[in-house]
């Protein structure tokens, strides 16, 4: 039975982003283009979440700042040398199909307020997804 479920996950379609509602709130720290570029990096990464369907992606600066602080002082940011001004956190809701995504998610489940931690090496570098989860 476990082999069958793992095989099903291997053939699950790429993560779906085409119907996602993307809401990029105002920012005092980042330009509209910077926030959009961070969101684009998440949309690209989400394709790796096989069998999942992104429903909503958003940026909330106050909430993002709290999560960025947590990342900087208790997460990977405390180890990788990234500066806080090069960290942005966006949030999402997504649905995991019957295949359970990549096998690490609960099948047929909704995930809400999922964090996406996106970093860059400097203001002129491209954003990349560094971590995700709750």
N, C-alpha and C. Protein backbone atom coordinates (compact mmCIF):
# COMPACT_ATOMS: atom_id res chain seq x y z
N UNK A 1 0.82 -1.20 0.00
CA UNK A 1 0.00 0.00 0.00
C UNK A 1 0.86 1.25 0.00
N UNK A 2 1.93 1.29 0.80
CA UNK A 2 2.79 2.47 0.84
C UNK A 2 3.45 2.73 -0.50
N UNK A 3 3.83 1.66 -1.20
CA UNK A 3 4.46 1.82 -2.50
C UNK A 3 3.48 2.45 -3.48
N UNK A 4 2.23 2.05 -3.42
CA UNK A 4 1.21 2.60 -4.30
C UNK A 4 1.02 4.09 -4.04
N UNK A 5 0.95 4.51 -2.78
CA UNK A 5 0.74 5.92 -2.49
C UNK A 5 1.96 6.75 -2.87
N UNK A 6 3.15 6.22 -2.69
CA UNK A 6 4.34 6.94 -3.13
C UNK A 6 4.38 7.06 -4.63
N UNK A 7 3.98 6.02 -5.33
CA UNK A 7 3.93 6.07 -6.79
C UNK A 7 2.91 7.10 -7.25
N UNK A 8 1.78 7.17 -6.58
CA UNK A 8 0.77 8.16 -6.95
C UNK A 8 1.30 9.57 -6.78
N UNK A 9 2.06 9.82 -5.72
CA UNK A 9 2.64 11.15 -5.50
C UNK A 9 3.65 11.50 -6.58
N UNK A 10 4.40 10.50 -7.04
CA UNK A 10 5.41 10.76 -8.06
C UNK A 10 4.78 11.22 -9.36
N UNK A 11 3.51 10.80 -9.61
CA UNK A 11 2.84 11.16 -10.86
C UNK A 11 1.86 12.30 -10.69
N UNK A 12 1.83 12.91 -9.54
CA UNK A 12 0.94 14.04 -9.31
C UNK A 12 1.37 15.20 -10.19
N UNK A 13 0.39 15.98 -10.66
CA UNK A 13 0.74 17.13 -11.51
C UNK A 13 1.48 18.21 -10.72
N UNK A 14 2.19 19.04 -11.45
CA UNK A 14 2.90 20.16 -10.83
C UNK A 14 1.92 21.04 -10.08
N UNK A 15 2.42 21.75 -9.08
CA UNK A 15 1.59 22.66 -8.32
C UNK A 15 0.91 23.67 -9.24
N UNK A 16 -0.36 23.94 -8.98
CA UNK A 16 -1.15 24.84 -9.82
C UNK A 16 -1.17 26.23 -9.20
N UNK A 17 -0.85 27.22 -10.02
CA UNK A 17 -0.84 28.61 -9.54
C UNK A 17 -1.73 29.53 -10.38
N UNK A 18 -2.23 29.05 -11.50
CA UNK A 18 -2.91 29.92 -12.47
C UNK A 18 -4.17 30.59 -11.94
N UNK A 19 -4.83 29.99 -10.97
CA UNK A 19 -6.06 30.58 -10.44
C UNK A 19 -5.87 31.29 -9.11
N UNK A 20 -4.63 31.40 -8.67
CA UNK A 20 -4.35 32.03 -7.37
C UNK A 20 -4.69 33.52 -7.38
N UNK A 21 -5.31 33.96 -6.31
CA UNK A 21 -5.56 35.38 -6.11
C UNK A 21 -4.33 35.94 -5.40
N UNK A 22 -3.65 36.87 -6.06
CA UNK A 22 -2.43 37.46 -5.50
C UNK A 22 -2.75 38.89 -5.07
N UNK A 23 -2.53 39.17 -3.78
CA UNK A 23 -2.80 40.49 -3.21
C UNK A 23 -1.52 40.98 -2.55
N UNK A 24 -0.93 41.99 -3.16
CA UNK A 24 0.33 42.50 -2.63
C UNK A 24 0.07 43.85 -1.97
N UNK A 25 -0.06 43.82 -0.66
CA UNK A 25 -0.35 45.04 0.10
C UNK A 25 0.79 46.05 0.00
N UNK A 26 0.50 47.23 0.46
CA UNK A 26 1.50 48.30 0.43
C UNK A 26 2.66 47.99 1.35
N UNK A 27 3.80 48.56 1.00
CA UNK A 27 5.01 48.35 1.79
C UNK A 27 5.77 49.66 1.96
N UNK A 28 6.29 49.85 3.16
CA UNK A 28 7.18 50.98 3.43
C UNK A 28 8.63 50.58 3.19
N UNK A 29 8.89 49.27 3.15
CA UNK A 29 10.25 48.74 3.06
C UNK A 29 10.66 48.36 1.64
N UNK A 30 9.71 47.91 0.85
CA UNK A 30 10.01 47.39 -0.48
C UNK A 30 9.16 48.09 -1.53
N UNK A 31 9.71 48.22 -2.73
CA UNK A 31 8.94 48.80 -3.83
C UNK A 31 7.91 47.78 -4.31
N UNK A 32 6.94 48.25 -5.07
CA UNK A 32 5.94 47.35 -5.63
C UNK A 32 6.61 46.28 -6.49
N UNK A 33 7.63 46.68 -7.26
CA UNK A 33 8.35 45.71 -8.10
C UNK A 33 9.09 44.66 -7.26
N UNK A 34 9.65 45.07 -6.13
CA UNK A 34 10.35 44.12 -5.26
C UNK A 34 9.39 43.09 -4.67
N UNK A 35 8.23 43.55 -4.22
CA UNK A 35 7.24 42.63 -3.65
C UNK A 35 6.73 41.70 -4.74
N UNK A 36 6.49 42.23 -5.94
CA UNK A 36 6.03 41.40 -7.05
C UNK A 36 7.08 40.35 -7.42
N UNK A 37 8.35 40.73 -7.43
CA UNK A 37 9.42 39.79 -7.74
C UNK A 37 9.50 38.68 -6.69
N UNK A 38 9.30 39.03 -5.43
CA UNK A 38 9.28 38.01 -4.36
C UNK A 38 8.10 37.06 -4.58
N UNK A 39 6.94 37.61 -4.90
CA UNK A 39 5.75 36.78 -5.17
C UNK A 39 6.01 35.87 -6.37
N UNK A 40 6.64 36.39 -7.40
CA UNK A 40 6.93 35.59 -8.59
C UNK A 40 7.84 34.41 -8.26
N UNK A 41 8.79 34.62 -7.34
CA UNK A 41 9.68 33.51 -6.96
C UNK A 41 8.90 32.42 -6.22
N UNK A 42 7.89 32.81 -5.47
CA UNK A 42 7.04 31.84 -4.78
C UNK A 42 6.17 31.09 -5.78
N UNK A 43 5.60 31.80 -6.73
CA UNK A 43 4.77 31.15 -7.75
C UNK A 43 5.58 30.12 -8.52
N UNK A 44 6.81 30.44 -8.81
CA UNK A 44 7.68 29.49 -9.51
C UNK A 44 7.97 28.28 -8.62
N UNK A 45 8.32 28.51 -7.36
CA UNK A 45 8.63 27.42 -6.43
C UNK A 45 7.42 26.52 -6.18
N UNK A 46 6.23 27.11 -6.16
CA UNK A 46 5.03 26.34 -5.85
C UNK A 46 4.79 25.23 -6.88
N UNK A 47 5.30 25.39 -8.07
CA UNK A 47 5.15 24.34 -9.09
C UNK A 47 5.77 23.03 -8.63
N UNK A 48 6.75 23.11 -7.71
CA UNK A 48 7.36 21.89 -7.15
C UNK A 48 6.44 21.17 -6.17
N UNK A 49 5.37 21.82 -5.73
CA UNK A 49 4.44 21.25 -4.76
C UNK A 49 3.40 20.42 -5.52
N UNK A 50 3.83 19.27 -5.97
CA UNK A 50 3.00 18.41 -6.81
C UNK A 50 1.67 18.07 -6.15
N UNK A 51 0.62 18.14 -6.95
CA UNK A 51 -0.71 17.80 -6.46
C UNK A 51 -1.34 18.88 -5.60
N UNK A 52 -0.75 20.08 -5.55
CA UNK A 52 -1.28 21.17 -4.73
C UNK A 52 -1.80 22.29 -5.62
N UNK A 53 -2.75 23.04 -5.10
CA UNK A 53 -3.39 24.12 -5.83
C UNK A 53 -3.34 25.38 -4.98
N UNK A 54 -2.56 26.36 -5.41
CA UNK A 54 -2.44 27.62 -4.69
C UNK A 54 -3.72 28.42 -4.88
N UNK A 55 -4.34 28.80 -3.77
CA UNK A 55 -5.60 29.54 -3.82
C UNK A 55 -5.39 31.04 -3.63
N UNK A 56 -4.48 31.39 -2.73
CA UNK A 56 -4.28 32.80 -2.41
C UNK A 56 -2.84 33.02 -1.98
N UNK A 57 -2.27 34.13 -2.42
CA UNK A 57 -0.93 34.55 -2.02
C UNK A 57 -1.01 36.03 -1.69
N UNK A 58 -0.48 36.43 -0.51
CA UNK A 58 -0.58 37.83 -0.14
C UNK A 58 0.62 38.28 0.68
N UNK A 59 0.75 39.62 0.72
CA UNK A 59 1.78 40.27 1.52
C UNK A 59 1.10 41.20 2.51
N UNK A 60 1.47 41.07 3.76
CA UNK A 60 0.99 41.93 4.84
C UNK A 60 2.24 42.35 5.60
N UNK A 61 2.63 43.62 5.47
CA UNK A 61 3.93 44.06 5.98
C UNK A 61 4.09 43.84 7.49
N UNK A 62 3.07 44.14 8.26
CA UNK A 62 3.19 43.98 9.72
C UNK A 62 3.41 42.50 10.08
N UNK A 63 2.63 41.66 9.50
CA UNK A 63 2.75 40.21 9.75
C UNK A 63 4.09 39.69 9.20
N UNK A 64 4.47 40.20 8.04
CA UNK A 64 5.74 39.80 7.42
C UNK A 64 6.92 40.16 8.33
N UNK A 65 6.89 41.35 8.90
CA UNK A 65 7.97 41.79 9.78
C UNK A 65 8.12 40.87 11.00
N UNK A 66 7.00 40.46 11.57
CA UNK A 66 7.05 39.55 12.73
C UNK A 66 7.69 38.22 12.34
N UNK A 67 7.29 37.68 11.20
CA UNK A 67 7.84 36.40 10.76
C UNK A 67 9.30 36.54 10.34
N UNK A 68 9.66 37.67 9.75
CA UNK A 68 11.06 37.91 9.38
C UNK A 68 11.93 37.98 10.63
N UNK A 69 11.44 38.62 11.69
CA UNK A 69 12.18 38.66 12.95
C UNK A 69 12.42 37.25 13.48
N UNK A 70 11.39 36.43 13.44
CA UNK A 70 11.52 35.05 13.90
C UNK A 70 12.54 34.29 13.07
N UNK A 71 12.51 34.49 11.77
CA UNK A 71 13.47 33.86 10.86
C UNK A 71 14.89 34.33 11.16
N UNK A 72 15.05 35.61 11.42
CA UNK A 72 16.39 36.19 11.64
C UNK A 72 17.00 35.75 12.97
N UNK A 73 16.17 35.57 13.98
CA UNK A 73 16.71 35.32 15.31
C UNK A 73 16.54 33.89 15.80
N UNK A 74 15.72 33.10 15.10
CA UNK A 74 15.54 31.73 15.55
C UNK A 74 15.53 30.72 14.41
N UNK A 75 15.61 31.22 13.19
CA UNK A 75 15.55 30.33 12.04
C UNK A 75 16.83 30.38 11.23
N UNK A 76 16.72 30.03 9.97
CA UNK A 76 17.88 29.98 9.07
C UNK A 76 18.61 31.32 8.97
N UNK A 77 17.89 32.41 9.13
CA UNK A 77 18.49 33.74 9.03
C UNK A 77 19.56 33.99 10.08
N UNK A 78 19.48 33.26 11.19
CA UNK A 78 20.49 33.41 12.24
C UNK A 78 21.78 32.69 11.85
N UNK A 79 21.74 31.90 10.79
CA UNK A 79 22.90 31.11 10.38
C UNK A 79 23.47 31.48 9.01
N UNK A 80 22.62 32.01 8.12
CA UNK A 80 23.07 32.18 6.73
C UNK A 80 23.64 33.55 6.38
N UNK A 81 23.64 34.48 7.32
CA UNK A 81 24.26 35.78 7.09
C UNK A 81 23.43 36.77 6.31
N UNK A 82 22.19 36.44 5.98
CA UNK A 82 21.34 37.38 5.26
C UNK A 82 21.00 38.56 6.16
N UNK A 83 20.92 39.74 5.56
CA UNK A 83 20.52 40.94 6.31
C UNK A 83 19.00 41.05 6.29
N UNK A 84 18.43 41.57 7.38
CA UNK A 84 16.98 41.64 7.51
C UNK A 84 16.33 42.42 6.37
N UNK A 85 17.02 43.44 5.85
CA UNK A 85 16.44 44.22 4.75
C UNK A 85 16.34 43.41 3.46
N UNK A 86 16.90 42.21 3.47
CA UNK A 86 16.83 41.32 2.31
C UNK A 86 15.99 40.08 2.58
N UNK A 87 15.04 40.24 3.52
CA UNK A 87 14.12 39.15 3.87
C UNK A 87 12.70 39.69 3.76
N UNK A 88 11.86 38.94 3.08
CA UNK A 88 10.44 39.28 2.99
C UNK A 88 9.66 37.98 3.19
N UNK A 89 8.53 38.07 3.86
CA UNK A 89 7.69 36.90 4.09
C UNK A 89 6.31 37.19 3.50
N UNK A 90 5.86 36.27 2.66
CA UNK A 90 4.52 36.33 2.12
C UNK A 90 3.74 35.14 2.67
N UNK A 91 2.43 35.15 2.48
CA UNK A 91 1.56 34.15 3.07
C UNK A 91 0.66 33.56 1.99
N UNK A 92 0.22 32.33 2.24
CA UNK A 92 -0.64 31.69 1.24
C UNK A 92 -1.63 30.74 1.87
N UNK A 93 -2.65 30.45 1.08
CA UNK A 93 -3.58 29.37 1.34
C UNK A 93 -3.50 28.46 0.13
N UNK A 94 -3.46 27.16 0.37
CA UNK A 94 -3.48 26.23 -0.75
C UNK A 94 -4.18 24.94 -0.36
N UNK A 95 -4.58 24.22 -1.39
CA UNK A 95 -5.28 22.95 -1.22
C UNK A 95 -4.36 21.82 -1.67
N UNK A 96 -4.33 20.74 -0.91
CA UNK A 96 -3.57 19.55 -1.27
C UNK A 96 -4.56 18.51 -1.78
N UNK A 97 -4.33 18.02 -2.98
CA UNK A 97 -5.22 17.04 -3.59
C UNK A 97 -5.14 15.68 -2.93
N UNK A 98 -5.83 14.74 -3.50
CA UNK A 98 -5.93 13.39 -2.93
C UNK A 98 -4.60 12.64 -2.91
N UNK A 99 -3.63 13.07 -3.72
CA UNK A 99 -2.32 12.40 -3.72
C UNK A 99 -1.46 12.82 -2.54
N UNK A 100 -1.87 13.86 -1.83
CA UNK A 100 -1.09 14.31 -0.68
C UNK A 100 0.11 15.14 -1.07
N UNK A 101 0.05 15.77 -2.23
CA UNK A 101 1.17 16.60 -2.66
C UNK A 101 2.40 15.76 -2.88
N UNK A 102 3.49 16.13 -2.26
CA UNK A 102 4.75 15.40 -2.43
C UNK A 102 4.87 14.26 -1.42
N UNK A 103 3.81 13.96 -0.74
CA UNK A 103 3.84 12.92 0.28
C UNK A 103 4.02 13.47 1.68
N UNK A 104 4.36 14.74 1.79
CA UNK A 104 4.59 15.35 3.09
C UNK A 104 3.39 16.13 3.62
N UNK A 105 2.31 16.16 2.85
CA UNK A 105 1.12 16.90 3.24
C UNK A 105 -0.04 15.95 3.49
N UNK A 106 -0.99 16.42 4.25
CA UNK A 106 -2.24 15.69 4.49
C UNK A 106 -3.07 15.73 3.20
N UNK A 107 -3.46 14.59 2.65
CA UNK A 107 -4.29 14.58 1.44
C UNK A 107 -5.64 15.25 1.68
N UNK A 108 -6.18 15.85 0.64
CA UNK A 108 -7.50 16.49 0.69
C UNK A 108 -7.61 17.49 1.84
N UNK A 109 -6.59 18.32 1.98
CA UNK A 109 -6.56 19.27 3.10
C UNK A 109 -6.26 20.68 2.61
N UNK A 110 -6.78 21.65 3.35
CA UNK A 110 -6.47 23.06 3.10
C UNK A 110 -5.39 23.50 4.08
N UNK A 111 -4.40 24.20 3.57
CA UNK A 111 -3.35 24.80 4.39
C UNK A 111 -3.55 26.31 4.33
N UNK A 112 -3.63 26.95 5.49
CA UNK A 112 -3.91 28.39 5.56
C UNK A 112 -2.78 29.11 6.29
N UNK A 113 -2.52 30.35 5.84
CA UNK A 113 -1.49 31.20 6.44
C UNK A 113 -0.11 30.54 6.40
N UNK A 114 0.16 29.84 5.34
CA UNK A 114 1.46 29.19 5.11
C UNK A 114 2.48 30.26 4.80
N UNK A 115 3.61 30.27 5.50
CA UNK A 115 4.65 31.28 5.31
C UNK A 115 5.59 30.90 4.17
N UNK A 116 6.00 31.90 3.42
CA UNK A 116 7.04 31.76 2.41
C UNK A 116 8.12 32.78 2.74
N UNK A 117 9.29 32.32 3.12
CA UNK A 117 10.40 33.22 3.45
C UNK A 117 11.28 33.33 2.22
N UNK A 118 11.37 34.55 1.73
CA UNK A 118 12.07 34.82 0.49
C UNK A 118 13.23 35.76 0.80
N UNK A 119 14.41 35.43 0.30
CA UNK A 119 15.60 36.23 0.61
C UNK A 119 16.34 36.59 -0.68
N UNK A 120 17.24 37.53 -0.54
CA UNK A 120 18.17 37.89 -1.61
C UNK A 120 19.49 38.26 -0.95
N UNK A 121 20.56 38.21 -1.72
CA UNK A 121 21.87 38.53 -1.16
C UNK A 121 22.08 40.02 -0.98
N UNK A 122 21.49 40.82 -1.88
CA UNK A 122 21.57 42.28 -1.78
C UNK A 122 20.37 42.87 -2.50
N UNK A 123 20.20 44.15 -2.38
CA UNK A 123 19.05 44.84 -3.00
C UNK A 123 19.01 44.64 -4.51
N UNK A 124 20.15 44.41 -5.12
CA UNK A 124 20.19 44.25 -6.58
C UNK A 124 20.11 42.79 -7.03
N UNK A 125 20.11 41.85 -6.10
CA UNK A 125 20.03 40.43 -6.46
C UNK A 125 18.58 39.97 -6.55
N UNK A 126 18.38 38.83 -7.19
CA UNK A 126 17.04 38.25 -7.34
C UNK A 126 16.61 37.58 -6.03
N UNK A 127 15.30 37.62 -5.79
CA UNK A 127 14.71 36.93 -4.66
C UNK A 127 14.72 35.42 -4.90
N UNK A 128 14.86 34.65 -3.82
CA UNK A 128 14.74 33.19 -3.90
C UNK A 128 14.05 32.69 -2.62
N UNK A 129 13.24 31.68 -2.79
CA UNK A 129 12.54 31.10 -1.65
C UNK A 129 13.57 30.32 -0.84
N UNK A 130 13.66 30.67 0.44
CA UNK A 130 14.63 30.02 1.32
C UNK A 130 13.98 29.02 2.27
N UNK A 131 12.73 29.27 2.64
CA UNK A 131 12.07 28.40 3.61
C UNK A 131 10.57 28.60 3.48
N UNK A 132 9.81 27.66 4.03
CA UNK A 132 8.37 27.75 4.01
C UNK A 132 7.79 26.90 5.12
N UNK A 133 6.54 27.17 5.45
CA UNK A 133 5.87 26.39 6.49
C UNK A 133 5.11 27.27 7.45
N UNK A 134 4.91 26.73 8.64
CA UNK A 134 4.20 27.48 9.68
C UNK A 134 5.15 28.05 10.69
